[in-house]
Protein backbone atom coordinates (compact mmCIF):
# COMPACT_ATOMS: atom_id res chain seq x y z
CA MET A 1 -8.16 -24.87 37.92
CA GLU A 2 -4.60 -23.71 37.62
CA LYS A 3 -4.76 -24.33 33.89
CA LEU A 4 -7.85 -22.29 33.51
CA ILE A 5 -6.28 -19.34 35.31
CA ARG A 6 -3.27 -19.69 33.00
CA ASN A 7 -5.37 -19.84 29.93
CA ILE A 8 -7.50 -16.69 31.05
CA THR A 9 -4.26 -14.82 31.86
CA GLY A 10 -2.71 -15.70 28.47
CA LEU A 11 -5.95 -14.58 26.74
CA ILE A 12 -5.86 -11.23 28.46
CA ALA A 13 -2.24 -10.69 27.65
CA MET A 14 -2.86 -11.48 23.91
CA VAL A 15 -5.80 -8.95 23.90
CA PHE A 16 -3.49 -6.24 25.38
CA ILE A 17 -0.65 -7.20 22.89
CA LEU A 18 -3.03 -7.04 19.91
CA MET A 19 -4.74 -3.77 20.97
CA SER A 20 -1.34 -1.97 21.43
CA CYS A 21 -0.50 -2.67 17.70
CA GLU A 22 -1.30 0.48 15.64
CA LYS A 23 -0.82 1.12 11.85
CA GLU A 24 0.94 4.21 10.95
CA PRO A 25 -0.57 6.06 7.91
CA VAL A 26 1.60 5.96 4.81
CA GLU A 27 2.51 9.43 3.49
CA THR A 28 1.50 9.85 -0.20
CA VAL A 29 3.80 11.88 -2.29
CA TYR A 30 2.31 13.79 -5.17
CA GLU A 31 4.36 14.93 -8.06
CA GLU A 32 2.93 17.23 -10.62
CA LEU A 33 3.76 15.94 -14.14
CA GLY A 34 2.61 19.24 -15.92
CA ASN A 35 2.73 19.30 -19.70
CA ARG A 36 5.40 16.79 -20.50
CA ASN A 37 6.38 15.05 -23.66
CA GLY A 38 6.00 11.42 -22.95
CA VAL A 39 3.97 8.20 -23.29
CA PHE A 40 1.30 6.58 -20.93
CA ILE A 41 1.83 2.93 -20.23
CA SER A 42 -1.27 0.91 -19.06
CA CYS A 43 -1.00 -2.53 -17.47
CA GLU A 44 -4.31 -4.34 -17.13
CA GLY A 45 -3.22 -6.53 -14.35
CA ASN A 46 -4.38 -9.92 -13.60
CA PHE A 47 -8.00 -11.04 -14.40
CA MET A 48 -10.37 -10.38 -11.37
CA TYR A 49 -7.65 -9.13 -9.10
CA GLY A 50 -8.02 -5.33 -9.56
CA ASN A 51 -4.26 -4.55 -9.79
CA ALA A 52 -4.14 -2.52 -12.92
CA SER A 53 -1.81 0.33 -13.05
CA LEU A 54 -0.92 3.35 -15.12
CA SER A 55 2.61 4.68 -15.71
CA PHE A 56 4.14 7.56 -17.53
CA TYR A 57 7.33 7.61 -19.45
CA ASP A 58 8.96 11.03 -19.82
CA GLU A 59 11.05 11.04 -23.07
CA ASP A 60 12.89 14.20 -22.20
CA GLU A 61 14.18 12.94 -18.84
CA LYS A 62 14.07 9.12 -19.67
CA LYS A 63 12.18 8.61 -16.40
CA VAL A 64 9.19 6.45 -15.46
CA PHE A 65 6.48 7.67 -13.12
CA ASN A 66 4.59 4.72 -11.72
CA GLN A 67 0.95 4.70 -10.34
CA VAL A 68 -0.08 7.79 -12.14
CA PHE A 69 -3.83 8.68 -12.14
CA TYR A 70 -5.40 11.64 -13.93
């Protein structure tokens, strides 16, 4: 009987611990590229994983902007 009460108490404690976890939203930063002189770089990603990406290389500033979507 004591083991049952301990298990139920542990279960209730775990429920409260898991309910208290809350994900904070990630703030997305948008940067306007405008009309720049550069090259788009596409990466197809792994087959069937859906992890493709599009980057932009600015030739004037010699800077790469990752995860660019138009």
